[in-house]
Amino acid sequence: MTSQPWITCLQSGMLIRHLETRYPNQASKIDFQQIMETAESLQEIQDAKGFLSDPSNWVPLSVFWELIKACELASGDKDFTYRAALAYYENAKTGTPTLLETIVLLLNDVESVFRPIGDWASAYTNYLQLQSFTCPGESQTLHILSKYLPPVDPVFGNFRLVLGNFEGIAKLDPSVNTVTCEEL
């Protein structure tokens, strides 16, 4: 039996904040209660938007995918998740940073920050494996592998959200020149 895929509402909150900031008129039209109703166990939550914005909460991946679709439709931007993740970390430079962002800013070393990335994956989801490594002779290059576990297939919005998180965190370090991602 395969366990139900879940994701932290840190990620859904990221999407909601970006939608409200960039597309306030469209954000007010989203029915968050309907999005929550895609999971039968979450139908009784009174403040769906508040629940989805609280980083200490978790939702089934099906709810998150519905939120992604609603945000893409409202914004007209198929790359919405990527832009939302980048905007989240861009705000760390001007607002109060989260614990993770504080660590990145204090260490000022992307490799040290990404070394425990496997633990991060389990803190964000139960369907994503992450690993970082360097290769001999590539002292300026850090590689990060991302693998979705069954029954989850990488969909565009989900994949771009992971990419946006990687790039956003890495760009907090001023020594980082470029961040690229390749799908293998």
C-alpha atoms as a PDB file:
ATOM      1  CA  MET A   1       0.000   0.000   0.000  1.00  0.00           C
ATOM      2  CA  THR A   2       1.357   3.413  -0.971  1.00  0.00           C
ATOM      3  CA  SER A   3       1.041   6.284   1.482  1.00  0.00           C
ATOM      4  CA  GLN A   4      -0.902   9.393   0.522  1.00  0.00           C
ATOM      5  CA  PRO A   5       1.428  12.154  -0.780  1.00  0.00           C
ATOM      6  CA  TRP A   6       1.379  15.280   1.425  1.00  0.00           C
ATOM      7  CA  ILE A   7       3.036  18.711   1.288  1.00  0.00           C
ATOM      8  CA  THR A   8       3.596  21.438   3.849  1.00  0.00           C
ATOM      9  CA  CYS A   9       1.474  24.554   3.624  1.00  0.00           C
ATOM     10  CA  LEU A  10       4.682  26.585   3.573  1.00  0.00           C
ATOM     11  CA  GLN A  11       4.552  25.922  -0.168  1.00  0.00           C
ATOM     12  CA  SER A  12       0.837  26.706  -0.576  1.00  0.00           C
ATOM     13  CA  GLY A  13       1.269  29.885   1.463  1.00  0.00           C
ATOM     14  CA  MET A  14       4.051  30.879  -0.904  1.00  0.00           C
ATOM     15  CA  LEU A  15       1.606  30.620  -3.818  1.00  0.00           C
ATOM     16  CA  ILE A  16      -1.200  32.463  -2.036  1.00  0.00           C
ATOM     17  CA  ARG A  17       1.040  35.387  -0.994  1.00  0.00           C
ATOM     18  CA  HIS A  18       2.383  35.763  -4.523  1.00  0.00           C
ATOM     19  CA  LEU A  19      -1.109  35.667  -5.998  1.00  0.00           C
ATOM     20  CA  GLU A  20      -2.355  38.305  -3.550  1.00  0.00           C
ATOM     21  CA  THR A  21       0.664  40.514  -4.184  1.00  0.00           C
ATOM     22  CA  ARG A  22       0.782  40.283  -7.980  1.00  0.00           C
ATOM     23  CA  TYR A  23      -2.874  39.593  -8.820  1.00  0.00           C
ATOM     24  CA  PRO A  24      -5.019  40.941  -5.954  1.00  0.00           C
ATOM     25  CA  ASN A  25      -8.252  41.119  -7.979  1.00  0.00           C
ATOM     26  CA  GLN A  26      -7.923  37.541  -9.199  1.00  0.00           C
ATOM     27  CA  ALA A  27      -6.875  36.314  -5.736  1.00  0.00           C
ATOM     28  CA  SER A  28     -10.126  37.546  -4.214  1.00  0.00           C
ATOM     29  CA  LYS A  29     -12.087  35.372  -6.656  1.00  0.00           C
ATOM     30  CA  ILE A  30     -10.464  32.050  -5.703  1.00  0.00           C
ATOM     31  CA  ASP A  31     -12.685  29.685  -3.727  1.00  0.00           C
ATOM     32  CA  PHE A  32     -10.192  28.230  -1.247  1.00  0.00           C
ATOM     33  CA  GLN A  33     -12.929  26.212   0.452  1.00  0.00           C
ATOM     34  CA  GLN A  34     -13.650  24.422  -2.829  1.00  0.00           C
ATOM     35  CA  ILE A  35      -9.933  23.714  -3.240  1.00  0.00           C
ATOM     36  CA  MET A  36      -9.840  22.180   0.258  1.00  0.00           C
ATOM     37  CA  GLU A  37     -12.864  20.021  -0.526  1.00  0.00           C
ATOM     38  CA  THR A  38     -10.798  17.947  -2.949  1.00  0.00           C
ATOM     39  CA  ALA A  39      -9.671  16.147   0.207  1.00  0.00           C
ATOM     40  CA  GLU A  40     -12.632  14.746   2.113  1.00  0.00           C
ATOM     41  CA  SER A  41     -10.838  14.904   5.455  1.00  0.00           C
ATOM     42  CA  LEU A  42     -10.314  18.672   5.144  1.00  0.00           C
ATOM     43  CA  GLN A  43     -13.866  19.738   4.329  1.00  0.00           C
ATOM     44  CA  GLU A  44     -14.625  20.880   7.869  1.00  0.00           C
ATOM     45  CA  ILE A  45     -11.947  23.590   7.987  1.00  0.00           C
ATOM     46  CA  GLN A  46     -13.672  26.953   8.375  1.00  0.00           C
ATOM     47  CA  ASP A  47     -10.890  29.249   7.116  1.00  0.00           C
ATOM     48  CA  ALA A  48      -9.454  27.404   4.116  1.00  0.00           C
ATOM     49  CA  LYS A  49      -7.235  30.277   2.994  1.00  0.00           C
ATOM     50  CA  GLY A  50      -5.844  30.693   6.514  1.00  0.00           C
ATOM     51  CA  PHE A  51      -5.204  26.961   6.770  1.00  0.00           C
ATOM     52  CA  LEU A  52      -3.413  26.878   3.400  1.00  0.00           C
ATOM     53  CA  SER A  53      -1.291  29.887   4.428  1.00  0.00           C
ATOM     54  CA  ASP A  54      -0.101  28.446   7.758  1.00  0.00           C
ATOM     55  CA  PRO A  55       3.338  26.823   7.281  1.00  0.00           C
ATOM     56  CA  SER A  56       2.741  24.442  10.192  1.00  0.00           C
ATOM     57  CA  ASN A  57      -0.139  22.734   8.355  1.00  0.00           C
ATOM     58  CA  TRP A  58       0.031  19.949   5.783  1.00  0.00           C
ATOM     59  CA  VAL A  59      -2.360  19.068   2.954  1.00  0.00           C
ATOM     60  CA  PRO A  60      -2.695  16.139   0.575  1.00  0.00           C
ATOM     61  CA  LEU A  61      -0.915  16.728  -2.714  1.00  0.00           C
ATOM     62  CA  SER A  62      -4.289  16.688  -4.491  1.00  0.00           C
ATOM     63  CA  VAL A  63      -5.259  19.889  -2.653  1.00  0.00           C
ATOM     64  CA  PHE A  64      -1.941  21.500  -3.544  1.00  0.00           C
ATOM     65  CA  TRP A  65      -2.382  20.605  -7.214  1.00  0.00           C
ATOM     66  CA  GLU A  66      -5.844  22.177  -7.191  1.00  0.00           C
ATOM     67  CA  LEU A  67      -4.316  25.324  -5.704  1.00  0.00           C
ATOM     68  CA  ILE A  68      -1.631  25.366  -8.402  1.00  0.00           C
ATOM     69  CA  LYS A  69      -4.295  25.061 -11.122  1.00  0.00           C
ATOM     70  CA  ALA A  70      -6.389  27.830  -9.554  1.00  0.00           C
ATOM     71  CA  CYS A  71      -3.359  30.148  -9.302  1.00  0.00           C
ATOM     72  CA  GLU A  72      -2.258  29.442 -12.868  1.00  0.00           C
ATOM     73  CA  LEU A  73      -5.774  30.049 -14.150  1.00  0.00           C
ATOM     74  CA  ALA A  74      -6.253  33.243 -12.112  1.00  0.00           C
ATOM     75  CA  SER A  75      -2.878  34.676 -13.098  1.00  0.00           C
ATOM     76  CA  GLY A  76      -2.808  33.408 -16.678  1.00  0.00           C
ATOM     77  CA  ASP A  77       0.774  32.323 -15.968  1.00  0.00           C
ATOM     78  CA  LYS A  78       1.735  28.677 -16.481  1.00  0.00           C
ATOM     79  CA  ASP A  79       5.051  29.444 -14.741  1.00  0.00           C
ATOM     80  CA  PHE A  80       3.275  30.821 -11.656  1.00  0.00           C
ATOM     81  CA  THR A  81       4.821  28.394  -9.132  1.00  0.00           C
ATOM     82  CA  TYR A  82       8.350  29.211 -10.257  1.00  0.00           C
ATOM     83  CA  ARG A  83       7.766  32.952 -10.003  1.00  0.00           C
ATOM     84  CA  ALA A  84       6.051  32.553  -6.607  1.00  0.00           C
ATOM     85  CA  ALA A  85       9.039  30.659  -5.180  1.00  0.00           C
ATOM     86  CA  LEU A  86      11.521  33.221  -6.507  1.00  0.00           C
ATOM     87  CA  ALA A  87       9.420  36.071  -5.099  1.00  0.00           C
ATOM     88  CA  TYR A  88       9.328  34.367  -1.705  1.00  0.00           C
ATOM     89  CA  TYR A  89      13.127  34.375  -1.431  1.00  0.00           C
ATOM     90  CA  GLU A  90      13.445  37.826  -2.979  1.00  0.00           C
ATOM     91  CA  ASN A  91      11.340  39.105  -0.071  1.00  0.00           C
ATOM     92  CA  ALA A  92      13.857  37.566   2.355  1.00  0.00           C
ATOM     93  CA  LYS A  93      16.316  40.216   1.255  1.00  0.00           C
ATOM     94  CA  THR A  94      13.947  43.038   2.207  1.00  0.00           C
ATOM     95  CA  GLY A  95      11.689  41.530   4.883  1.00  0.00           C
ATOM     96  CA  THR A  96      12.194  39.399   7.961  1.00  0.00           C
ATOM     97  CA  PRO A  97      13.874  36.172   6.806  1.00  0.00           C
ATOM     98  CA  THR A  98      12.673  32.719   7.848  1.00  0.00           C
ATOM     99  CA  LEU A  99      14.963  30.406   9.817  1.00  0.00           C
ATOM    100  CA  LEU A 100      16.196  28.737   6.621  1.00  0.00           C
ATOM    101  CA  GLU A 101      16.896  32.094   4.993  1.00  0.00           C
ATOM    102  CA  THR A 102      18.726  33.283   8.116  1.00  0.00           C
ATOM    103  CA  ILE A 103      20.959  30.205   7.968  1.00  0.00           C
ATOM    104  CA  VAL A 104      21.731  30.848   4.291  1.00  0.00           C
ATOM    105  CA  LEU A 105      22.503  34.495   4.925  1.00  0.00           C
ATOM    106  CA  LEU A 106      24.698  33.782   7.973  1.00  0.00           C
ATOM    107  CA  LEU A 107      26.640  30.880   6.484  1.00  0.00           C
ATOM    108  CA  ASN A 108      27.100  32.694   3.184  1.00  0.00           C
ATOM    109  CA  ASP A 109      27.970  29.309   1.674  1.00  0.00           C
ATOM    110  CA  VAL A 110      25.495  27.514  -0.575  1.00  0.00           C
ATOM    111  CA  GLU A 111      27.270  24.164  -0.329  1.00  0.00           C
ATOM    112  CA  SER A 112      26.957  24.094   3.475  1.00  0.00           C
ATOM    113  CA  VAL A 113      23.332  25.110   3.213  1.00  0.00           C
ATOM    114  CA  PHE A 114      22.422  22.426   0.657  1.00  0.00           C
ATOM    115  CA  ARG A 115      24.373  19.576   2.298  1.00  0.00           C
ATOM    116  CA  PRO A 116      21.394  18.507   4.485  1.00  0.00           C
ATOM    117  CA  ILE A 117      18.906  18.907   1.635  1.00  0.00           C
ATOM    118  CA  GLY A 118      17.659  15.333   2.011  1.00  0.00           C
ATOM    119  CA  ASP A 119      16.300  16.319   5.422  1.00  0.00           C
ATOM    120  CA  TRP A 120      14.642  19.390   3.912  1.00  0.00           C
ATOM    121  CA  ALA A 121      12.751  17.260   1.434  1.00  0.00           C
ATOM    122  CA  SER A 122      11.153  15.271   4.215  1.00  0.00           C
ATOM    123  CA  ALA A 123      10.332  18.522   6.027  1.00  0.00           C
ATOM    124  CA  TYR A 124       8.432  19.777   2.945  1.00  0.00           C
ATOM    125  CA  THR A 125       6.848  16.603   1.518  1.00  0.00           C
ATOM    126  CA  ASN A 126       6.666  12.846   1.851  1.00  0.00           C
ATOM    127  CA  TYR A 127       7.055  12.199  -1.893  1.00  0.00           C
ATOM    128  CA  LEU A 128      10.268  14.007  -2.857  1.00  0.00           C
ATOM    129  CA  GLN A 129      13.869  12.878  -2.425  1.00  0.00           C
ATOM    130  CA  LEU A 130      16.672  15.414  -2.679  1.00  0.00           C
ATOM    131  CA  GLN A 131      20.429  14.935  -2.628  1.00  0.00           C
ATOM    132  CA  SER A 132      23.328  17.333  -3.112  1.00  0.00           C
ATOM    133  CA  PHE A 133      26.906  16.547  -4.086  1.00  0.00           C
ATOM    134  CA  THR A 134      30.029  17.986  -5.669  1.00  0.00           C
ATOM    135  CA  CYS A 135      32.225  16.278  -8.240  1.00  0.00           C
ATOM    136  CA  PRO A 136      36.024  16.150  -8.148  1.00  0.00           C
ATOM    137  CA  GLY A 137      37.451  18.974 -10.207  1.00  0.00           C
ATOM    138  CA  GLU A 138      34.237  21.030 -10.044  1.00  0.00           C
ATOM    139  CA  SER A 139      34.906  23.072  -6.933  1.00  0.00           C
ATOM    140  CA  GLN A 140      32.563  25.851  -8.035  1.00  0.00           C
ATOM    141  CA  THR A 141      29.651  23.538  -8.912  1.00  0.00           C
ATOM    142  CA  LEU A 142      27.111  22.001  -6.570  1.00  0.00           C
ATOM    143  CA  HIS A 143      24.723  19.404  -7.987  1.00  0.00           C
ATOM    144  CA  ILE A 144      21.279  18.739  -6.544  1.00  0.00           C
ATOM    145  CA  LEU A 145      19.247  15.708  -7.556  1.00  0.00           C
ATOM    146  CA  SER A 146      15.483  15.744  -7.210  1.00  0.00           C
ATOM    147  CA  LYS A 147      13.407  12.567  -7.473  1.00  0.00           C
ATOM    148  CA  TYR A 148       9.651  12.168  -7.099  1.00  0.00           C
ATOM    149  CA  LEU A 149       8.542   8.974  -5.400  1.00  0.00           C
ATOM    150  CA  PRO A 150       5.552   6.904  -6.546  1.00  0.00           C
ATOM    151  CA  PRO A 151       2.681   7.550  -6.859  1.00  0.00           C
ATOM    152  CA  VAL A 152       3.681  11.150  -7.660  1.00  0.00           C
ATOM    153  CA  ASP A 153       4.806  12.095 -11.134  1.00  0.00           C
ATOM    154  CA  PRO A 154       6.574  15.408 -11.656  1.00  0.00           C
ATOM    155  CA  VAL A 155       4.078  17.844 -13.128  1.00  0.00           C
ATOM    156  CA  PHE A 156       5.126  21.184 -14.578  1.00  0.00           C
ATOM    157  CA  GLY A 157       3.847  23.357 -11.710  1.00  0.00           C
ATOM    158  CA  ASN A 158       5.340  21.115  -9.033  1.00  0.00           C
ATOM    159  CA  PHE A 159       8.670  20.809 -10.838  1.00  0.00           C
ATOM    160  CA  ARG A 160       8.909  24.571 -11.368  1.00  0.00           C
ATOM    161  CA  LEU A 161       8.145  25.196  -7.687  1.00  0.00           C
ATOM    162  CA  VAL A 162      11.083  22.985  -6.667  1.00  0.00           C
ATOM    163  CA  LEU A 163      13.287  24.807  -9.180  1.00  0.00           C
ATOM    164  CA  GLY A 164      12.184  28.197  -7.872  1.00  0.00           C
ATOM    165  CA  ASN A 165      12.979  27.121  -4.315  1.00  0.00           C
ATOM    166  CA  PHE A 166      16.476  25.944  -5.290  1.00  0.00           C
ATOM    167  CA  GLU A 167      17.228  29.094  -7.252  1.00  0.00           C
ATOM    168  CA  GLY A 168      15.711  31.375  -4.642  1.00  0.00           C
ATOM    169  CA  ILE A 169      17.713  29.878  -1.778  1.00  0.00           C
ATOM    170  CA  ALA A 170      20.933  29.761  -3.806  1.00  0.00           C
ATOM    171  CA  LYS A 171      20.599  33.378  -4.905  1.00  0.00           C
ATOM    172  CA  LEU A 172      20.534  34.502  -1.265  1.00  0.00           C
ATOM    173  CA  ASP A 173      24.272  33.769  -1.287  1.00  0.00           C
ATOM    174  CA  PRO A 174      25.998  36.689  -3.058  1.00  0.00           C
ATOM    175  CA  SER A 175      28.835  34.421  -4.244  1.00  0.00           C
ATOM    176  CA  VAL A 176      26.456  32.431  -6.476  1.00  0.00           C
ATOM    177  CA  ASN A 177      26.810  33.495 -10.093  1.00  0.00           C
ATOM    178  CA  THR A 178      24.449  31.148 -11.909  1.00  0.00           C
ATOM    179  CA  VAL A 179      21.848  28.524 -11.138  1.00  0.00           C
ATOM    180  CA  THR A 180      20.717  26.119 -13.842  1.00  0.00           C
ATOM    181  CA  CYS A 181      18.405  23.153 -13.828  1.00  0.00           C
ATOM    182  CA  GLU A 182      18.283  20.204 -16.199  1.00  0.00           C
ATOM    183  CA  GLU A 183      15.670  17.503 -16.413  1.00  0.00           C
ATOM    184  CA  LEU A 184      17.157  14.054 -16.942  1.00  0.00           C
END
